[in-house]
């Protein structure tokens, strides 16, 4: 089955009609409020799409890959809906035995956040991502793992760049408790500076996001 490629502003801008599923469309929109900063386009690849204009819902299934700016999500199924205020909400799931994958690049600090969980939930109003079921989030700097937090549920707040983790019987840890490994800020700053030197020398490791050179 052919993949459907759709660039829709599904998460933070209004849904579009089903007719847009027939082509790849790139859109830039502005944020709610007075800000004029453009939102990045969202592209979703999947094997199938069911869109309900009346209910403002979309269901993508089959090797789903969503990219929105520097965020990438991979899942077997993705359900998106819009509430009466125009905020978007999403639930991503995987088949049994597999986990949803989320990657968020932060080039300014040569940093990548990678998260996995049996399910991922997005709240557009609160601007939070929840990884649920054997959840784990790892922060990489210059390609090397630095911080890890795991539990039954891990929540990442995009506005504040903060985390909350909860233990439980379906935790990523054997004893069901939250497990956190954090490096001191001095070590993180040293790693960022070392990566900046590599970047200036043109020796940045493959796959490491980087800020644009002045």
C-alpha atoms as a PDB file:
ATOM      1  CA  UNK A   1       0.000   0.000   0.000  1.00  0.00           C
ATOM      2  CA  UNK A   2       1.333   3.412  -0.931  1.00  0.00           C
ATOM      3  CA  UNK A   3       2.214   5.852   1.814  1.00  0.00           C
ATOM      4  CA  UNK A   4       0.129   9.003   2.139  1.00  0.00           C
ATOM      5  CA  UNK A   5       2.237  12.148   2.509  1.00  0.00           C
ATOM      6  CA  UNK A   6       0.425  15.081   4.073  1.00  0.00           C
ATOM      7  CA  UNK A   7       1.865  18.305   5.420  1.00  0.00           C
ATOM      8  CA  UNK A   8      -0.836  19.443   7.828  1.00  0.00           C
ATOM      9  CA  UNK A   9      -0.620  21.664  10.829  1.00  0.00           C
ATOM     10  CA  UNK A  10      -2.257  19.002  12.947  1.00  0.00           C
ATOM     11  CA  UNK A  11      -0.930  19.756  16.385  1.00  0.00           C
ATOM     12  CA  UNK A  12      -1.191  23.478  16.966  1.00  0.00           C
ATOM     13  CA  UNK A  13      -3.231  24.809  14.046  1.00  0.00           C
ATOM     14  CA  UNK A  14      -6.684  23.941  12.706  1.00  0.00           C
ATOM     15  CA  UNK A  15      -7.349  20.761  10.771  1.00  0.00           C
ATOM     16  CA  UNK A  16      -7.839  20.971   7.043  1.00  0.00           C
ATOM     17  CA  UNK A  17     -10.349  19.223   4.811  1.00  0.00           C
ATOM     18  CA  UNK A  18     -10.068  15.689   3.570  1.00  0.00           C
ATOM     19  CA  UNK A  19      -9.367  16.933   0.047  1.00  0.00           C
ATOM     20  CA  UNK A  20      -5.873  17.914   1.180  1.00  0.00           C
ATOM     21  CA  UNK A  21      -5.068  14.245   1.673  1.00  0.00           C
ATOM     22  CA  UNK A  22      -4.711  13.957  -2.083  1.00  0.00           C
ATOM     23  CA  UNK A  23      -1.442  15.864  -2.208  1.00  0.00           C
ATOM     24  CA  UNK A  24       1.488  16.961  -0.131  1.00  0.00           C
ATOM     25  CA  UNK A  25       0.866  20.482   1.051  1.00  0.00           C
ATOM     26  CA  UNK A  26       3.270  22.623   3.050  1.00  0.00           C
ATOM     27  CA  UNK A  27       1.684  25.313   5.185  1.00  0.00           C
ATOM     28  CA  UNK A  28       3.030  27.887   7.600  1.00  0.00           C
ATOM     29  CA  UNK A  29       0.696  29.322  10.199  1.00  0.00           C
ATOM     30  CA  UNK A  30       1.069  31.711  13.117  1.00  0.00           C
ATOM     31  CA  UNK A  31       0.712  30.845  16.763  1.00  0.00           C
ATOM     32  CA  UNK A  32      -2.370  31.724  18.779  1.00  0.00           C
ATOM     33  CA  UNK A  33      -2.269  35.189  20.309  1.00  0.00           C
ATOM     34  CA  UNK A  34      -0.282  38.179  19.112  1.00  0.00           C
ATOM     35  CA  UNK A  35       2.867  36.329  18.067  1.00  0.00           C
ATOM     36  CA  UNK A  36       3.770  36.471  14.386  1.00  0.00           C
ATOM     37  CA  UNK A  37       6.446  33.767  14.530  1.00  0.00           C
ATOM     38  CA  UNK A  38       5.561  31.087  11.956  1.00  0.00           C
ATOM     39  CA  UNK A  39       4.758  27.554  13.062  1.00  0.00           C
ATOM     40  CA  UNK A  40       6.771  24.825  11.326  1.00  0.00           C
ATOM     41  CA  UNK A  41       4.971  22.685   8.775  1.00  0.00           C
ATOM     42  CA  UNK A  42       3.903  19.210   9.869  1.00  0.00           C
ATOM     43  CA  UNK A  43       4.247  16.177   7.607  1.00  0.00           C
ATOM     44  CA  UNK A  44       2.679  12.823   8.393  1.00  0.00           C
ATOM     45  CA  UNK A  45       3.485   9.684   6.408  1.00  0.00           C
ATOM     46  CA  UNK A  46       1.271   6.625   6.819  1.00  0.00           C
ATOM     47  CA  UNK A  47      -0.237   3.708   4.923  1.00  0.00           C
ATOM     48  CA  UNK A  48      -3.833   4.786   5.586  1.00  0.00           C
ATOM     49  CA  UNK A  49      -5.729   7.880   6.706  1.00  0.00           C
ATOM     50  CA  UNK A  50      -9.335   8.261   7.893  1.00  0.00           C
ATOM     51  CA  UNK A  51     -10.424  11.882   8.334  1.00  0.00           C
ATOM     52  CA  UNK A  52     -13.740  13.028   9.847  1.00  0.00           C
ATOM     53  CA  UNK A  53     -14.350  16.709   9.159  1.00  0.00           C
ATOM     54  CA  UNK A  54     -17.462  16.892  11.351  1.00  0.00           C
ATOM     55  CA  UNK A  55     -15.698  15.448  14.404  1.00  0.00           C
ATOM     56  CA  UNK A  56     -12.349  17.080  13.561  1.00  0.00           C
ATOM     57  CA  UNK A  57     -10.498  13.788  13.948  1.00  0.00           C
ATOM     58  CA  UNK A  58      -7.871  11.987  11.894  1.00  0.00           C
ATOM     59  CA  UNK A  59      -6.543   8.452  12.253  1.00  0.00           C
ATOM     60  CA  UNK A  60      -3.262   7.481  10.599  1.00  0.00           C
ATOM     61  CA  UNK A  61      -2.179   3.827  10.563  1.00  0.00           C
ATOM     62  CA  UNK A  62       0.729   1.801   9.225  1.00  0.00           C
ATOM     63  CA  UNK A  63       4.363   2.857   9.741  1.00  0.00           C
ATOM     64  CA  UNK A  64       3.405   6.380  10.819  1.00  0.00           C
ATOM     65  CA  UNK A  65       6.167   8.984  10.716  1.00  0.00           C
ATOM     66  CA  UNK A  66       5.321  12.507  11.815  1.00  0.00           C
ATOM     67  CA  UNK A  67       7.793  15.364  11.528  1.00  0.00           C
ATOM     68  CA  UNK A  68       7.126  18.864  12.792  1.00  0.00           C
ATOM     69  CA  UNK A  69      10.099  21.177  12.757  1.00  0.00           C
ATOM     70  CA  UNK A  70      12.810  19.403  14.757  1.00  0.00           C
ATOM     71  CA  UNK A  71      10.408  16.841  16.242  1.00  0.00           C
ATOM     72  CA  UNK A  72      10.016  13.313  14.842  1.00  0.00           C
ATOM     73  CA  UNK A  73       7.501  10.709  16.014  1.00  0.00           C
ATOM     74  CA  UNK A  74       7.279   7.095  14.860  1.00  0.00           C
ATOM     75  CA  UNK A  75       4.321   4.841  15.652  1.00  0.00           C
ATOM     76  CA  UNK A  76       2.019   2.194  14.206  1.00  0.00           C
ATOM     77  CA  UNK A  77      -1.066   4.387  14.691  1.00  0.00           C
ATOM     78  CA  UNK A  78      -1.709   8.069  15.391  1.00  0.00           C
ATOM     79  CA  UNK A  79      -5.091   9.571  16.367  1.00  0.00           C
ATOM     80  CA  UNK A  80      -5.493  13.356  16.298  1.00  0.00           C
ATOM     81  CA  UNK A  81      -8.440  15.506  17.369  1.00  0.00           C
ATOM     82  CA  UNK A  82      -9.237  19.188  17.792  1.00  0.00           C
ATOM     83  CA  UNK A  83     -11.306  20.655  20.628  1.00  0.00           C
ATOM     84  CA  UNK A  84     -13.770  23.543  20.443  1.00  0.00           C
ATOM     85  CA  UNK A  85     -11.018  26.043  21.312  1.00  0.00           C
ATOM     86  CA  UNK A  86      -8.816  24.916  18.444  1.00  0.00           C
ATOM     87  CA  UNK A  87      -6.269  23.018  20.519  1.00  0.00           C
ATOM     88  CA  UNK A  88      -5.009  19.698  19.183  1.00  0.00           C
ATOM     89  CA  UNK A  89      -4.535  16.413  21.026  1.00  0.00           C
ATOM     90  CA  UNK A  90      -2.884  13.225  19.816  1.00  0.00           C
ATOM     91  CA  UNK A  91      -2.412   9.614  20.859  1.00  0.00           C
ATOM     92  CA  UNK A  92       0.283   7.460  19.246  1.00  0.00           C
ATOM     93  CA  UNK A  93       0.423   3.695  19.778  1.00  0.00           C
ATOM     94  CA  UNK A  94       2.448   0.671  18.714  1.00  0.00           C
ATOM     95  CA  UNK A  95       1.653  -2.995  18.247  1.00  0.00           C
ATOM     96  CA  UNK A  96       2.224  -5.212  21.262  1.00  0.00           C
ATOM     97  CA  UNK A  97       5.876  -5.595  22.189  1.00  0.00           C
ATOM     98  CA  UNK A  98       7.002  -2.370  20.494  1.00  0.00           C
ATOM     99  CA  UNK A  99       7.305   1.220  21.679  1.00  0.00           C
ATOM    100  CA  UNK A 100       6.539   4.634  20.205  1.00  0.00           C
ATOM    101  CA  UNK A 101       9.656   6.654  19.412  1.00  0.00           C
ATOM    102  CA  UNK A 102      10.014  10.435  19.760  1.00  0.00           C
ATOM    103  CA  UNK A 103      13.095  12.490  18.865  1.00  0.00           C
ATOM    104  CA  UNK A 104      13.445  16.221  19.571  1.00  0.00           C
ATOM    105  CA  UNK A 105      16.540  18.028  18.298  1.00  0.00           C
ATOM    106  CA  UNK A 106      17.921  21.113  20.069  1.00  0.00           C
ATOM    107  CA  UNK A 107      20.765  22.315  17.820  1.00  0.00           C
ATOM    108  CA  UNK A 108      21.807  25.286  19.975  1.00  0.00           C
ATOM    109  CA  UNK A 109      23.316  22.891  22.518  1.00  0.00           C
ATOM    110  CA  UNK A 110      24.089  20.008  20.137  1.00  0.00           C
ATOM    111  CA  UNK A 111      21.405  18.145  22.044  1.00  0.00           C
ATOM    112  CA  UNK A 112      18.913  15.418  21.183  1.00  0.00           C
ATOM    113  CA  UNK A 113      16.090  14.132  23.358  1.00  0.00           C
ATOM    114  CA  UNK A 114      14.920  10.614  22.568  1.00  0.00           C
ATOM    115  CA  UNK A 115      11.905   9.044  24.210  1.00  0.00           C
ATOM    116  CA  UNK A 116      10.181   5.666  23.993  1.00  0.00           C
ATOM    117  CA  UNK A 117       6.967   4.305  25.464  1.00  0.00           C
ATOM    118  CA  UNK A 118       4.156   1.928  24.628  1.00  0.00           C
ATOM    119  CA  UNK A 119       1.929   4.961  24.048  1.00  0.00           C
ATOM    120  CA  UNK A 120       2.511   8.676  23.559  1.00  0.00           C
ATOM    121  CA  UNK A 121      -0.031  11.399  24.278  1.00  0.00           C
ATOM    122  CA  UNK A 122       0.189  15.035  23.182  1.00  0.00           C
ATOM    123  CA  UNK A 123      -1.755  17.863  24.824  1.00  0.00           C
ATOM    124  CA  UNK A 124      -1.654  20.941  22.622  1.00  0.00           C
ATOM    125  CA  UNK A 125      -3.226  23.175  25.241  1.00  0.00           C
ATOM    126  CA  UNK A 126      -0.718  22.299  27.959  1.00  0.00           C
ATOM    127  CA  UNK A 127       2.093  21.724  25.427  1.00  0.00           C
ATOM    128  CA  UNK A 128       3.093  18.434  27.025  1.00  0.00           C
ATOM    129  CA  UNK A 129       4.119  15.014  25.751  1.00  0.00           C
ATOM    130  CA  UNK A 130       3.450  11.935  27.878  1.00  0.00           C
ATOM    131  CA  UNK A 131       5.218   8.635  27.250  1.00  0.00           C
ATOM    132  CA  UNK A 132       3.217   5.883  28.946  1.00  0.00           C
ATOM    133  CA  UNK A 133       4.156   2.275  29.591  1.00  0.00           C
ATOM    134  CA  UNK A 134       7.828   1.298  29.900  1.00  0.00           C
ATOM    135  CA  UNK A 135       8.674   4.943  29.333  1.00  0.00           C
ATOM    136  CA  UNK A 136      12.191   6.294  29.047  1.00  0.00           C
ATOM    137  CA  UNK A 137      13.673   9.639  27.983  1.00  0.00           C
ATOM    138  CA  UNK A 138      17.394  10.084  27.287  1.00  0.00           C
ATOM    139  CA  UNK A 139      19.264  13.305  26.582  1.00  0.00           C
ATOM    140  CA  UNK A 140      22.244  13.134  24.231  1.00  0.00           C
ATOM    141  CA  UNK A 141      24.891  15.807  23.832  1.00  0.00           C
ATOM    142  CA  UNK A 142      27.219  15.584  20.853  1.00  0.00           C
ATOM    143  CA  UNK A 143      25.939  12.040  20.300  1.00  0.00           C
ATOM    144  CA  UNK A 144      26.718  10.804  23.829  1.00  0.00           C
ATOM    145  CA  UNK A 145      24.025   9.915  26.419  1.00  0.00           C
ATOM    146  CA  UNK A 146      24.014  12.192  29.463  1.00  0.00           C
ATOM    147  CA  UNK A 147      20.725  12.149  31.347  1.00  0.00           C
ATOM    148  CA  UNK A 148      18.094   9.403  31.541  1.00  0.00           C
ATOM    149  CA  UNK A 149      14.754   9.252  33.280  1.00  0.00           C
ATOM    150  CA  UNK A 150      12.460   6.224  33.202  1.00  0.00           C
ATOM    151  CA  UNK A 151       9.268   4.977  34.786  1.00  0.00           C
ATOM    152  CA  UNK A 152       5.735   3.951  33.908  1.00  0.00           C
ATOM    153  CA  UNK A 153       5.003   7.477  32.676  1.00  0.00           C
ATOM    154  CA  UNK A 154       7.331  10.328  31.755  1.00  0.00           C
ATOM    155  CA  UNK A 155       5.940  13.774  30.934  1.00  0.00           C
ATOM    156  CA  UNK A 156       7.903  16.414  29.028  1.00  0.00           C
ATOM    157  CA  UNK A 157       6.750  20.030  29.092  1.00  0.00           C
ATOM    158  CA  UNK A 158       7.801  21.841  25.935  1.00  0.00           C
ATOM    159  CA  UNK A 159       7.211  25.325  27.371  1.00  0.00           C
ATOM    160  CA  UNK A 160       9.375  24.869  30.454  1.00  0.00           C
ATOM    161  CA  UNK A 161      11.755  22.133  29.200  1.00  0.00           C
ATOM    162  CA  UNK A 162      11.017  20.130  32.352  1.00  0.00           C
ATOM    163  CA  UNK A 163      10.134  16.522  33.121  1.00  0.00           C
ATOM    164  CA  UNK A 164       7.923  14.626  35.524  1.00  0.00           C
ATOM    165  CA  UNK A 165       8.129  10.853  35.982  1.00  0.00           C
ATOM    166  CA  UNK A 166       5.819   8.377  37.709  1.00  0.00           C
ATOM    167  CA  UNK A 167       6.469   4.800  38.771  1.00  0.00           C
ATOM    168  CA  UNK A 168       4.106   1.855  38.477  1.00  0.00           C
ATOM    169  CA  UNK A 169       3.722  -1.800  37.631  1.00  0.00           C
ATOM    170  CA  UNK A 170       4.391  -1.131  33.944  1.00  0.00           C
ATOM    171  CA  UNK A 171       7.539   0.879  34.559  1.00  0.00           C
ATOM    172  CA  UNK A 172      10.680   0.642  32.439  1.00  0.00           C
ATOM    173  CA  UNK A 173      12.489  -0.374  35.639  1.00  0.00           C
ATOM    174  CA  UNK A 174      12.329  -3.846  37.171  1.00  0.00           C
ATOM    175  CA  UNK A 175      11.159  -2.639  40.600  1.00  0.00           C
ATOM    176  CA  UNK A 176       8.484  -0.324  39.217  1.00  0.00           C
ATOM    177  CA  UNK A 177      10.086   2.831  40.595  1.00  0.00           C
ATOM    178  CA  UNK A 178      11.250   5.958  38.797  1.00  0.00           C
ATOM    179  CA  UNK A 179      14.933   5.887  37.865  1.00  0.00           C
ATOM    180  CA  UNK A 180      16.844   9.061  37.074  1.00  0.00           C
ATOM    181  CA  UNK A 181      20.492   9.534  36.103  1.00  0.00           C
ATOM    182  CA  UNK A 182      21.603  13.168  35.814  1.00  0.00           C
ATOM    183  CA  UNK A 183      25.042  14.593  35.106  1.00  0.00           C
ATOM    184  CA  UNK A 184      26.306  17.774  36.829  1.00  0.00           C
ATOM    185  CA  UNK A 185      25.826  20.998  34.934  1.00  0.00           C
ATOM    186  CA  UNK A 186      29.588  21.556  34.715  1.00  0.00           C
ATOM    187  CA  UNK A 187      30.000  18.294  32.814  1.00  0.00           C
ATOM    188  CA  UNK A 188      27.156  19.186  30.476  1.00  0.00           C
ATOM    189  CA  UNK A 189      28.602  22.636  29.777  1.00  0.00           C
ATOM    190  CA  UNK A 190      32.025  21.092  29.092  1.00  0.00           C
ATOM    191  CA  UNK A 191      30.484  18.616  26.629  1.00  0.00           C
ATOM    192  CA  UNK A 192      28.651  21.402  24.805  1.00  0.00           C
ATOM    193  CA  UNK A 193      31.828  23.466  24.550  1.00  0.00           C
ATOM    194  CA  UNK A 194      33.835  20.474  23.287  1.00  0.00           C
ATOM    195  CA  UNK A 195      31.168  19.843  20.665  1.00  0.00           C
ATOM    196  CA  UNK A 196      31.275  23.495  19.642  1.00  0.00           C
ATOM    197  CA  UNK A 197      35.016  23.130  19.016  1.00  0.00           C
ATOM    198  CA  UNK A 198      34.442  20.019  16.896  1.00  0.00           C
ATOM    199  CA  UNK A 199      31.780  21.884  14.961  1.00  0.00           C
ATOM    200  CA  UNK A 200      34.161  24.760  14.234  1.00  0.00           C
ATOM    201  CA  UNK A 201      36.774  22.256  13.045  1.00  0.00           C
ATOM    202  CA  UNK A 202      34.283  20.471  10.790  1.00  0.00           C
ATOM    203  CA  UNK A 203      34.562  17.260  12.819  1.00  0.00           C
ATOM    204  CA  UNK A 204      31.074  17.059  14.290  1.00  0.00           C
ATOM    205  CA  UNK A 205      29.893  13.421  14.698  1.00  0.00           C
ATOM    206  CA  UNK A 206      27.282  12.270  12.209  1.00  0.00           C
ATOM    207  CA  UNK A 207      23.696  12.816  13.260  1.00  0.00           C
ATOM    208  CA  UNK A 208      24.440  15.542  15.801  1.00  0.00           C
ATOM    209  CA  UNK A 209      22.253  18.641  15.301  1.00  0.00           C
ATOM    210  CA  UNK A 210      24.140  21.915  15.240  1.00  0.00           C
ATOM    211  CA  UNK A 211      23.340  25.631  15.129  1.00  0.00           C
ATOM    212  CA  UNK A 212      24.019  27.479  11.926  1.00  0.00           C
ATOM    213  CA  UNK A 213      27.500  28.907  11.712  1.00  0.00           C
ATOM    214  CA  UNK A 214      27.595  32.716  11.898  1.00  0.00           C
END
